[in-house]
Amino acid sequence: MLSKPNVTIIIPYQKNLKYLFSALKSVFNQTFKNYVINIIYDNENKKDLYEIKKFLKKKNLKKKNSIKIQVNKKNIGAGHSRNKGIKKSKTKYIAFLDSDDRWTKDKLKSQIYFMEKKKLSFSHTSYDIIDSKDKIISYRNARSMITLDELIKSCDVGLSTVIIKTEFLKKNNYYFPGIKTKEDFVLWLKIAKNLKFLQGLKKKLTYYRKTSNSLSSNKFISLINGYKVYRNYMKYSKIKSIYFLIILSVNSFKKNILKDKFN
């Protein structure tokens, strides 16, 4: 049997308590129990903060220290909020969970076992895509290995599926950049440069929620930030950046055709 390594679960929160409570319940239901939850409260209005504390109190958690809440003085965005969580983490692993996503009950157990067995610093998994009513509308299958050249053309790594060794992140000074969308894409590219390829577990262990009013669904913002990924962070020329943005957009369109299988 493998020894139980511990993990910090970083959850940035800005709005929608219903989805956050669903995400938290999916963590409480994990078969793997050796974790700490760090909620980064990123809303200047503190009304929801009271409701979150009330919800957690009702759960009567055995370990009072198993949940921490960091409150941002002002809205700084999900990427920078996760960075605050990374800096505070003292566990062996960090798992990312967006407040509108959720996990299957064996997510942590299956993935950490996978990482321990293969001695990995980074891993991700397959996932289902759900709508605002929890209906599965699509899916993404993780590839066993993704090279940098493959990743740069199609971001196939779901943020809420990722677990990373804390020491690996801090040693290499890896943090999320200050853009509103695709900030995770930039980080995965940096990591892929270091590791040569990213390893995936072909199990659907996460439900990623796609809603019509989310930042990631705003096509204009997505295109602008996609260009910034290549131009500002990969340091490509303008022409090369536009070229890869077109490839990324085409691949994204192809993946979205999977919706037809569920409609």
C-alpha atoms as a PDB file:
ATOM      1  CA  MET A   1       0.000   0.000   0.000  1.00  0.00           C
ATOM      2  CA  LEU A   2       1.139   3.510  -0.734  1.00  0.00           C
ATOM      3  CA  SER A   3       1.516   5.954   2.146  1.00  0.00           C
ATOM      4  CA  LYS A   4      -1.121   8.709   2.170  1.00  0.00           C
ATOM      5  CA  PRO A   5       0.299  11.993   0.902  1.00  0.00           C
ATOM      6  CA  ASN A   6      -1.753  15.082   1.753  1.00  0.00           C
ATOM      7  CA  VAL A   7      -3.202  17.590  -0.693  1.00  0.00           C
ATOM      8  CA  THR A   8      -4.407  21.204  -0.636  1.00  0.00           C
ATOM      9  CA  ILE A   9      -7.550  21.864  -2.698  1.00  0.00           C
ATOM     10  CA  ILE A  10      -7.578  25.460  -3.968  1.00  0.00           C
ATOM     11  CA  ILE A  11     -11.025  26.868  -4.797  1.00  0.00           C
ATOM     12  CA  PRO A  12     -11.324  30.526  -5.926  1.00  0.00           C
ATOM     13  CA  TYR A  13     -14.805  31.967  -5.363  1.00  0.00           C
ATOM     14  CA  GLN A  14     -16.480  35.054  -6.818  1.00  0.00           C
ATOM     15  CA  LYS A  15     -20.186  34.249  -7.232  1.00  0.00           C
ATOM     16  CA  ASN A  16     -22.911  31.574  -7.338  1.00  0.00           C
ATOM     17  CA  LEU A  17     -23.216  29.882  -3.959  1.00  0.00           C
ATOM     18  CA  LYS A  18     -25.240  26.969  -5.343  1.00  0.00           C
ATOM     19  CA  TYR A  19     -22.364  25.833  -7.542  1.00  0.00           C
ATOM     20  CA  LEU A  20     -19.791  26.375  -4.782  1.00  0.00           C
ATOM     21  CA  PHE A  21     -21.774  24.244  -2.333  1.00  0.00           C
ATOM     22  CA  SER A  22     -22.027  21.525  -4.989  1.00  0.00           C
ATOM     23  CA  ALA A  23     -18.250  21.681  -5.505  1.00  0.00           C
ATOM     24  CA  LEU A  24     -17.609  21.474  -1.754  1.00  0.00           C
ATOM     25  CA  LYS A  25     -19.979  18.535  -1.339  1.00  0.00           C
ATOM     26  CA  SER A  26     -18.042  16.680  -4.051  1.00  0.00           C
ATOM     27  CA  VAL A  27     -14.895  17.219  -1.958  1.00  0.00           C
ATOM     28  CA  PHE A  28     -16.547  16.123   1.312  1.00  0.00           C
ATOM     29  CA  ASN A  29     -17.653  12.926  -0.462  1.00  0.00           C
ATOM     30  CA  GLN A  30     -14.126  11.984  -1.506  1.00  0.00           C
ATOM     31  CA  THR A  31     -12.940   8.501  -0.559  1.00  0.00           C
ATOM     32  CA  PHE A  32      -9.513  10.084   0.015  1.00  0.00           C
ATOM     33  CA  LYS A  33      -9.772  12.171   3.199  1.00  0.00           C
ATOM     34  CA  ASN A  34      -6.278  13.542   3.797  1.00  0.00           C
ATOM     35  CA  TYR A  35      -6.828  17.027   2.392  1.00  0.00           C
ATOM     36  CA  VAL A  36      -7.070  20.718   3.248  1.00  0.00           C
ATOM     37  CA  ILE A  37      -9.540  22.998   1.443  1.00  0.00           C
ATOM     38  CA  ASN A  38      -8.464  26.578   0.784  1.00  0.00           C
ATOM     39  CA  ILE A  39     -11.300  28.808  -0.448  1.00  0.00           C
ATOM     40  CA  ILE A  40     -10.044  32.109  -1.868  1.00  0.00           C
ATOM     41  CA  TYR A  41     -12.925  34.558  -1.491  1.00  0.00           C
ATOM     42  CA  ASP A  42     -12.611  36.998  -4.408  1.00  0.00           C
ATOM     43  CA  ASN A  43     -15.708  39.180  -4.086  1.00  0.00           C
ATOM     44  CA  GLU A  44     -15.626  42.667  -2.558  1.00  0.00           C
ATOM     45  CA  ASN A  45     -19.205  42.137  -1.383  1.00  0.00           C
ATOM     46  CA  LYS A  46     -18.937  40.018   1.781  1.00  0.00           C
ATOM     47  CA  LYS A  47     -22.571  38.840   1.820  1.00  0.00           C
ATOM     48  CA  ASP A  48     -21.742  35.391   0.368  1.00  0.00           C
ATOM     49  CA  LEU A  49     -18.877  34.995   2.850  1.00  0.00           C
ATOM     50  CA  TYR A  50     -21.404  34.806   5.704  1.00  0.00           C
ATOM     51  CA  GLU A  51     -23.410  32.171   3.808  1.00  0.00           C
ATOM     52  CA  ILE A  52     -20.301  30.099   3.126  1.00  0.00           C
ATOM     53  CA  LYS A  53     -19.311  30.106   6.799  1.00  0.00           C
ATOM     54  CA  LYS A  54     -22.865  29.147   7.777  1.00  0.00           C
ATOM     55  CA  PHE A  55     -22.837  26.266   5.257  1.00  0.00           C
ATOM     56  CA  LEU A  56     -19.512  24.962   6.585  1.00  0.00           C
ATOM     57  CA  LYS A  57     -20.712  25.216  10.193  1.00  0.00           C
ATOM     58  CA  LYS A  58     -23.756  23.093   9.343  1.00  0.00           C
ATOM     59  CA  LYS A  59     -21.472  20.379   7.976  1.00  0.00           C
ATOM     60  CA  ASN A  60     -19.920  20.031  11.463  1.00  0.00           C
ATOM     61  CA  LEU A  61     -16.556  18.980  10.052  1.00  0.00           C
ATOM     62  CA  LYS A  62     -14.413  16.770  12.280  1.00  0.00           C
ATOM     63  CA  LYS A  63     -11.216  18.671  11.479  1.00  0.00           C
ATOM     64  CA  LYS A  64     -11.660  22.404  12.024  1.00  0.00           C
ATOM     65  CA  ASN A  65      -8.354  23.050  10.290  1.00  0.00           C
ATOM     66  CA  SER A  66      -9.399  21.144   7.159  1.00  0.00           C
ATOM     67  CA  ILE A  67     -10.991  24.275   5.639  1.00  0.00           C
ATOM     68  CA  LYS A  68      -9.396  27.690   5.374  1.00  0.00           C
ATOM     69  CA  ILE A  69     -10.859  30.837   3.820  1.00  0.00           C
ATOM     70  CA  GLN A  70      -8.582  33.555   2.442  1.00  0.00           C
ATOM     71  CA  VAL A  71     -10.448  36.815   1.834  1.00  0.00           C
ATOM     72  CA  ASN A  72      -9.131  39.142  -0.882  1.00  0.00           C
ATOM     73  CA  LYS A  73      -9.360  42.862  -0.091  1.00  0.00           C
ATOM     74  CA  LYS A  74     -10.437  43.463  -3.684  1.00  0.00           C
ATOM     75  CA  ASN A  75     -11.308  41.357  -6.725  1.00  0.00           C
ATOM     76  CA  ILE A  76      -8.073  40.059  -8.268  1.00  0.00           C
ATOM     77  CA  GLY A  77      -9.352  37.272 -10.524  1.00  0.00           C
ATOM     78  CA  ALA A  78      -9.211  33.475 -10.344  1.00  0.00           C
ATOM     79  CA  GLY A  79      -5.585  33.155 -11.490  1.00  0.00           C
ATOM     80  CA  HIS A  80      -4.095  35.479  -8.888  1.00  0.00           C
ATOM     81  CA  SER A  81      -6.401  33.996  -6.252  1.00  0.00           C
ATOM     82  CA  ARG A  82      -5.018  30.538  -6.999  1.00  0.00           C
ATOM     83  CA  ASN A  83      -1.507  31.985  -6.696  1.00  0.00           C
ATOM     84  CA  LYS A  84      -2.293  33.107  -3.157  1.00  0.00           C
ATOM     85  CA  GLY A  85      -3.422  29.574  -2.391  1.00  0.00           C
ATOM     86  CA  ILE A  86      -0.273  28.073  -3.893  1.00  0.00           C
ATOM     87  CA  LYS A  87       1.950  30.299  -1.729  1.00  0.00           C
ATOM     88  CA  LYS A  88       0.104  29.222   1.422  1.00  0.00           C
ATOM     89  CA  SER A  89       0.144  25.507   0.600  1.00  0.00           C
ATOM     90  CA  LYS A  90       2.343  23.252   2.723  1.00  0.00           C
ATOM     91  CA  THR A  91       1.097  19.875   1.549  1.00  0.00           C
ATOM     92  CA  LYS A  92       2.766  17.476  -0.876  1.00  0.00           C
ATOM     93  CA  TYR A  93       0.188  18.086  -3.617  1.00  0.00           C
ATOM     94  CA  ILE A  94      -2.077  20.880  -4.834  1.00  0.00           C
ATOM     95  CA  ALA A  95      -5.392  20.150  -6.567  1.00  0.00           C
ATOM     96  CA  PHE A  96      -7.333  22.869  -8.374  1.00  0.00           C
ATOM     97  CA  LEU A  97     -11.134  22.979  -8.310  1.00  0.00           C
ATOM     98  CA  ASP A  98     -13.137  25.863  -9.755  1.00  0.00           C
ATOM     99  CA  SER A  99     -16.180  26.776  -7.682  1.00  0.00           C
ATOM    100  CA  ASP A 100     -18.659  25.832 -10.427  1.00  0.00           C
ATOM    101  CA  ASP A 101     -17.105  22.419 -11.150  1.00  0.00           C
ATOM    102  CA  ARG A 102     -17.246  19.203  -9.138  1.00  0.00           C
ATOM    103  CA  TRP A 103     -15.483  15.858  -8.753  1.00  0.00           C
ATOM    104  CA  THR A 104     -16.444  12.194  -8.692  1.00  0.00           C
ATOM    105  CA  LYS A 105     -15.992  10.616  -5.256  1.00  0.00           C
ATOM    106  CA  ASP A 106     -12.810   8.693  -6.163  1.00  0.00           C
ATOM    107  CA  LYS A 107     -11.084  11.618  -7.929  1.00  0.00           C
ATOM    108  CA  LEU A 108      -8.337  12.268  -5.396  1.00  0.00           C
ATOM    109  CA  LYS A 109      -7.759   8.603  -4.529  1.00  0.00           C
ATOM    110  CA  SER A 110      -7.423   7.477  -8.179  1.00  0.00           C
ATOM    111  CA  GLN A 111      -5.284  10.375  -9.327  1.00  0.00           C
ATOM    112  CA  ILE A 112      -2.899  10.543  -6.377  1.00  0.00           C
ATOM    113  CA  TYR A 113      -2.371   6.773  -6.580  1.00  0.00           C
ATOM    114  CA  PHE A 114      -1.619   7.261 -10.295  1.00  0.00           C
ATOM    115  CA  MET A 115       0.917  10.004  -9.523  1.00  0.00           C
ATOM    116  CA  GLU A 116       2.600   8.091  -6.694  1.00  0.00           C
ATOM    117  CA  LYS A 117       2.917   4.961  -8.807  1.00  0.00           C
ATOM    118  CA  LYS A 118       4.452   6.805 -11.755  1.00  0.00           C
ATOM    119  CA  LYS A 119       6.343   9.382  -9.647  1.00  0.00           C
ATOM    120  CA  LEU A 120       4.728  12.324 -11.444  1.00  0.00           C
ATOM    121  CA  SER A 121       4.939  16.027 -10.652  1.00  0.00           C
ATOM    122  CA  PHE A 122       1.867  16.841 -12.776  1.00  0.00           C
ATOM    123  CA  SER A 123      -1.220  14.966 -13.926  1.00  0.00           C
ATOM    124  CA  HIS A 124      -4.677  15.618 -15.366  1.00  0.00           C
ATOM    125  CA  THR A 125      -7.688  13.451 -16.210  1.00  0.00           C
ATOM    126  CA  SER A 126     -10.588  13.053 -18.589  1.00  0.00           C
ATOM    127  CA  TYR A 127     -13.759  14.958 -17.713  1.00  0.00           C
ATOM    128  CA  ASP A 128     -17.421  15.440 -18.566  1.00  0.00           C
ATOM    129  CA  ILE A 129     -18.796  18.853 -19.510  1.00  0.00           C
ATOM    130  CA  ILE A 130     -22.098  19.777 -17.852  1.00  0.00           C
ATOM    131  CA  ASP A 131     -24.544  22.662 -18.270  1.00  0.00           C
ATOM    132  CA  SER A 132     -26.160  24.866 -15.608  1.00  0.00           C
ATOM    133  CA  LYS A 133     -28.615  22.054 -14.780  1.00  0.00           C
ATOM    134  CA  ASP A 134     -25.918  19.354 -14.397  1.00  0.00           C
ATOM    135  CA  LYS A 135     -26.770  17.711 -17.714  1.00  0.00           C
ATOM    136  CA  ILE A 136     -23.764  16.171 -19.490  1.00  0.00           C
ATOM    137  CA  ILE A 137     -23.415  17.948 -22.837  1.00  0.00           C
ATOM    138  CA  SER A 138     -19.929  16.857 -23.909  1.00  0.00           C
ATOM    139  CA  TYR A 139     -16.677  15.358 -22.693  1.00  0.00           C
ATOM    140  CA  ARG A 140     -12.898  15.501 -23.072  1.00  0.00           C
ATOM    141  CA  ASN A 141     -10.700  12.414 -23.022  1.00  0.00           C
ATOM    142  CA  ALA A 142      -7.248  12.867 -21.544  1.00  0.00           C
ATOM    143  CA  ARG A 143      -4.362  11.601 -23.627  1.00  0.00           C
ATOM    144  CA  SER A 144      -1.731   9.475 -21.892  1.00  0.00           C
ATOM    145  CA  MET A 145       0.915  11.970 -22.921  1.00  0.00           C
ATOM    146  CA  ILE A 146       0.744  15.491 -24.383  1.00  0.00           C
ATOM    147  CA  THR A 147       3.889  17.102 -25.757  1.00  0.00           C
ATOM    148  CA  LEU A 148       4.453  20.851 -25.836  1.00  0.00           C
ATOM    149  CA  ASP A 149       3.964  20.880 -29.624  1.00  0.00           C
ATOM    150  CA  GLU A 150       0.580  19.160 -29.216  1.00  0.00           C
ATOM    151  CA  LEU A 151      -0.555  21.279 -26.290  1.00  0.00           C
ATOM    152  CA  ILE A 152       0.255  24.534 -28.066  1.00  0.00           C
ATOM    153  CA  LYS A 153      -2.286  23.676 -30.788  1.00  0.00           C
ATOM    154  CA  SER A 154      -5.064  22.452 -28.534  1.00  0.00           C
ATOM    155  CA  CYS A 155      -5.470  23.004 -24.796  1.00  0.00           C
ATOM    156  CA  ASP A 156      -6.797  19.628 -23.689  1.00  0.00           C
ATOM    157  CA  VAL A 157      -6.046  19.994 -19.977  1.00  0.00           C
ATOM    158  CA  GLY A 158      -9.053  20.810 -17.765  1.00  0.00           C
ATOM    159  CA  LEU A 159      -8.080  22.999 -14.825  1.00  0.00           C
ATOM    160  CA  SER A 160     -10.253  21.221 -12.254  1.00  0.00           C
ATOM    161  CA  THR A 161      -8.703  17.891 -13.255  1.00  0.00           C
ATOM    162  CA  VAL A 162      -5.131  18.949 -12.444  1.00  0.00           C
ATOM    163  CA  ILE A 163      -3.015  17.878  -9.466  1.00  0.00           C
ATOM    164  CA  ILE A 164       0.572  19.144  -9.117  1.00  0.00           C
ATOM    165  CA  LYS A 165       3.375  18.594  -6.632  1.00  0.00           C
ATOM    166  CA  THR A 166       3.648  21.733  -4.490  1.00  0.00           C
ATOM    167  CA  GLU A 167       7.444  21.601  -4.372  1.00  0.00           C
ATOM    168  CA  PHE A 168       7.592  21.422  -8.179  1.00  0.00           C
ATOM    169  CA  LEU A 169       5.481  24.589  -8.542  1.00  0.00           C
ATOM    170  CA  LYS A 170       7.363  26.600  -5.938  1.00  0.00           C
ATOM    171  CA  LYS A 171      10.839  25.442  -6.949  1.00  0.00           C
ATOM    172  CA  ASN A 172      10.236  26.562 -10.544  1.00  0.00           C
ATOM    173  CA  ASN A 173       8.301  29.689  -9.532  1.00  0.00           C
ATOM    174  CA  TYR A 174       5.275  28.583 -11.563  1.00  0.00           C
ATOM    175  CA  TYR A 175       2.199  30.743 -11.090  1.00  0.00           C
ATOM    176  CA  PHE A 176      -0.863  31.795 -13.070  1.00  0.00           C
ATOM    177  CA  PRO A 177      -0.494  34.976 -15.196  1.00  0.00           C
ATOM    178  CA  GLY A 178      -2.745  38.012 -14.933  1.00  0.00           C
ATOM    179  CA  ILE A 179      -5.222  37.380 -17.759  1.00  0.00           C
ATOM    180  CA  LYS A 180      -8.941  36.716 -17.284  1.00  0.00           C
ATOM    181  CA  THR A 181      -9.169  33.546 -19.386  1.00  0.00           C
ATOM    182  CA  LYS A 182      -6.599  30.990 -20.591  1.00  0.00           C
ATOM    183  CA  GLU A 183      -4.411  31.738 -17.566  1.00  0.00           C
ATOM    184  CA  ASP A 184      -4.307  27.985 -16.954  1.00  0.00           C
ATOM    185  CA  PHE A 185      -3.219  27.369 -20.561  1.00  0.00           C
ATOM    186  CA  VAL A 186      -0.154  29.576 -20.011  1.00  0.00           C
ATOM    187  CA  LEU A 187       0.808  27.658 -16.877  1.00  0.00           C
ATOM    188  CA  TRP A 188       0.393  24.256 -18.544  1.00  0.00           C
ATOM    189  CA  LEU A 189       2.625  25.423 -21.429  1.00  0.00           C
ATOM    190  CA  LYS A 190       5.342  26.488 -18.990  1.00  0.00           C
ATOM    191  CA  ILE A 191       5.149  23.143 -17.219  1.00  0.00           C
ATOM    192  CA  ALA A 192       5.156  21.213 -20.518  1.00  0.00           C
ATOM    193  CA  LYS A 193       8.377  23.014 -21.479  1.00  0.00           C
ATOM    194  CA  ASN A 194       9.964  21.716 -18.301  1.00  0.00           C
ATOM    195  CA  LEU A 195       8.584  18.170 -18.300  1.00  0.00           C
ATOM    196  CA  LYS A 196       8.662  17.612 -22.093  1.00  0.00           C
ATOM    197  CA  PHE A 197       5.180  16.081 -21.902  1.00  0.00           C
ATOM    198  CA  LEU A 198       2.173  16.042 -19.568  1.00  0.00           C
ATOM    199  CA  GLN A 199       0.693  12.725 -18.430  1.00  0.00           C
ATOM    200  CA  GLY A 200      -3.039  12.115 -18.270  1.00  0.00           C
ATOM    201  CA  LEU A 201      -5.245   9.577 -16.530  1.00  0.00           C
ATOM    202  CA  LYS A 202      -7.963   8.284 -18.843  1.00  0.00           C
ATOM    203  CA  LYS A 203     -10.706   8.326 -16.241  1.00  0.00           C
ATOM    204  CA  LYS A 204     -13.566  10.851 -16.147  1.00  0.00           C
ATOM    205  CA  LEU A 205     -13.132  12.156 -12.622  1.00  0.00           C
ATOM    206  CA  THR A 206     -14.362  15.746 -12.993  1.00  0.00           C
ATOM    207  CA  TYR A 207     -17.483  17.569 -14.147  1.00  0.00           C
ATOM    208  CA  TYR A 208     -16.596  20.876 -15.808  1.00  0.00           C
ATOM    209  CA  ARG A 209     -19.498  23.317 -15.897  1.00  0.00           C
ATOM    210  CA  LYS A 210     -20.026  25.370 -19.041  1.00  0.00           C
ATOM    211  CA  THR A 211     -22.522  28.218 -18.757  1.00  0.00           C
ATOM    212  CA  SER A 212     -23.543  30.883 -21.273  1.00  0.00           C
ATOM    213  CA  ASN A 213     -22.416  33.794 -19.069  1.00  0.00           C
ATOM    214  CA  SER A 214     -18.992  32.462 -18.089  1.00  0.00           C
ATOM    215  CA  LEU A 215     -15.807  34.251 -19.101  1.00  0.00           C
ATOM    216  CA  SER A 216     -14.595  31.190 -20.984  1.00  0.00           C
ATOM    217  CA  SER A 217     -17.756  31.267 -23.123  1.00  0.00           C
ATOM    218  CA  ASN A 218     -17.119  34.861 -24.265  1.00  0.00           C
ATOM    219  CA  LYS A 219     -15.611  34.262 -27.711  1.00  0.00           C
ATOM    220  CA  PHE A 220     -14.144  37.761 -28.103  1.00  0.00           C
ATOM    221  CA  ILE A 221     -12.346  37.704 -24.745  1.00  0.00           C
ATOM    222  CA  SER A 222     -11.200  34.163 -25.461  1.00  0.00           C
ATOM    223  CA  LEU A 223      -9.666  35.191 -28.806  1.00  0.00           C
ATOM    224  CA  ILE A 224      -7.911  38.216 -27.294  1.00  0.00           C
ATOM    225  CA  ASN A 225      -6.418  36.163 -24.489  1.00  0.00           C
ATOM    226  CA  GLY A 226      -5.552  33.342 -26.882  1.00  0.00           C
ATOM    227  CA  TYR A 227      -3.494  35.820 -28.893  1.00  0.00           C
ATOM    228  CA  LYS A 228      -1.815  37.041 -25.677  1.00  0.00           C
ATOM    229  CA  VAL A 229      -0.826  33.465 -24.816  1.00  0.00           C
ATOM    230  CA  TYR A 230       1.241  33.178 -27.989  1.00  0.00           C
ATOM    231  CA  ARG A 231       2.400  36.787 -28.344  1.00  0.00           C
ATOM    232  CA  ASN A 232       3.120  37.817 -24.743  1.00  0.00           C
ATOM    233  CA  TYR A 233       3.939  34.545 -23.014  1.00  0.00           C
ATOM    234  CA  MET A 234       5.321  32.310 -25.759  1.00  0.00           C
ATOM    235  CA  LYS A 235       7.055  35.340 -27.345  1.00  0.00           C
ATOM    236  CA  TYR A 236       5.970  34.451 -30.870  1.00  0.00           C
ATOM    237  CA  SER A 237       5.855  36.984 -33.702  1.00  0.00           C
ATOM    238  CA  LYS A 238       2.505  38.593 -34.585  1.00  0.00           C
ATOM    239  CA  ILE A 239       2.101  36.374 -37.663  1.00  0.00           C
ATOM    240  CA  LYS A 240       3.033  33.205 -35.791  1.00  0.00           C
ATOM    241  CA  SER A 241       0.698  34.140 -32.929  1.00  0.00           C
ATOM    242  CA  ILE A 242      -2.238  34.619 -35.303  1.00  0.00           C
ATOM    243  CA  TYR A 243      -1.374  31.337 -37.049  1.00  0.00           C
ATOM    244  CA  PHE A 244      -1.488  29.340 -33.802  1.00  0.00           C
ATOM    245  CA  LEU A 245      -4.599  31.200 -32.647  1.00  0.00           C
ATOM    246  CA  ILE A 246      -6.378  30.025 -35.806  1.00  0.00           C
ATOM    247  CA  ILE A 247      -5.240  26.434 -35.196  1.00  0.00           C
ATOM    248  CA  LEU A 248      -6.367  26.638 -31.553  1.00  0.00           C
ATOM    249  CA  SER A 249      -9.777  28.001 -32.601  1.00  0.00           C
ATOM    250  CA  VAL A 250     -10.290  25.327 -35.261  1.00  0.00           C
ATOM    251  CA  ASN A 251      -9.398  22.553 -32.809  1.00  0.00           C
ATOM    252  CA  SER A 252     -11.736  24.049 -30.218  1.00  0.00           C
ATOM    253  CA  PHE A 253     -14.552  24.081 -32.791  1.00  0.00           C
ATOM    254  CA  LYS A 254     -13.893  20.424 -33.650  1.00  0.00           C
ATOM    255  CA  LYS A 255     -14.064  19.433 -29.978  1.00  0.00           C
ATOM    256  CA  ASN A 256     -17.352  21.271 -29.501  1.00  0.00           C
ATOM    257  CA  ILE A 257     -18.934  19.114 -32.227  1.00  0.00           C
ATOM    258  CA  LEU A 258     -18.963  16.361 -29.573  1.00  0.00           C
ATOM    259  CA  LYS A 259     -22.048  18.077 -28.158  1.00  0.00           C
ATOM    260  CA  ASP A 260     -24.080  16.541 -30.973  1.00  0.00           C
ATOM    261  CA  LYS A 261     -23.626  13.107 -29.415  1.00  0.00           C
ATOM    262  CA  PHE A 262     -25.595  14.211 -26.372  1.00  0.00           C
ATOM    263  CA  ASN A 263     -28.376  16.207 -28.073  1.00  0.00           C
END
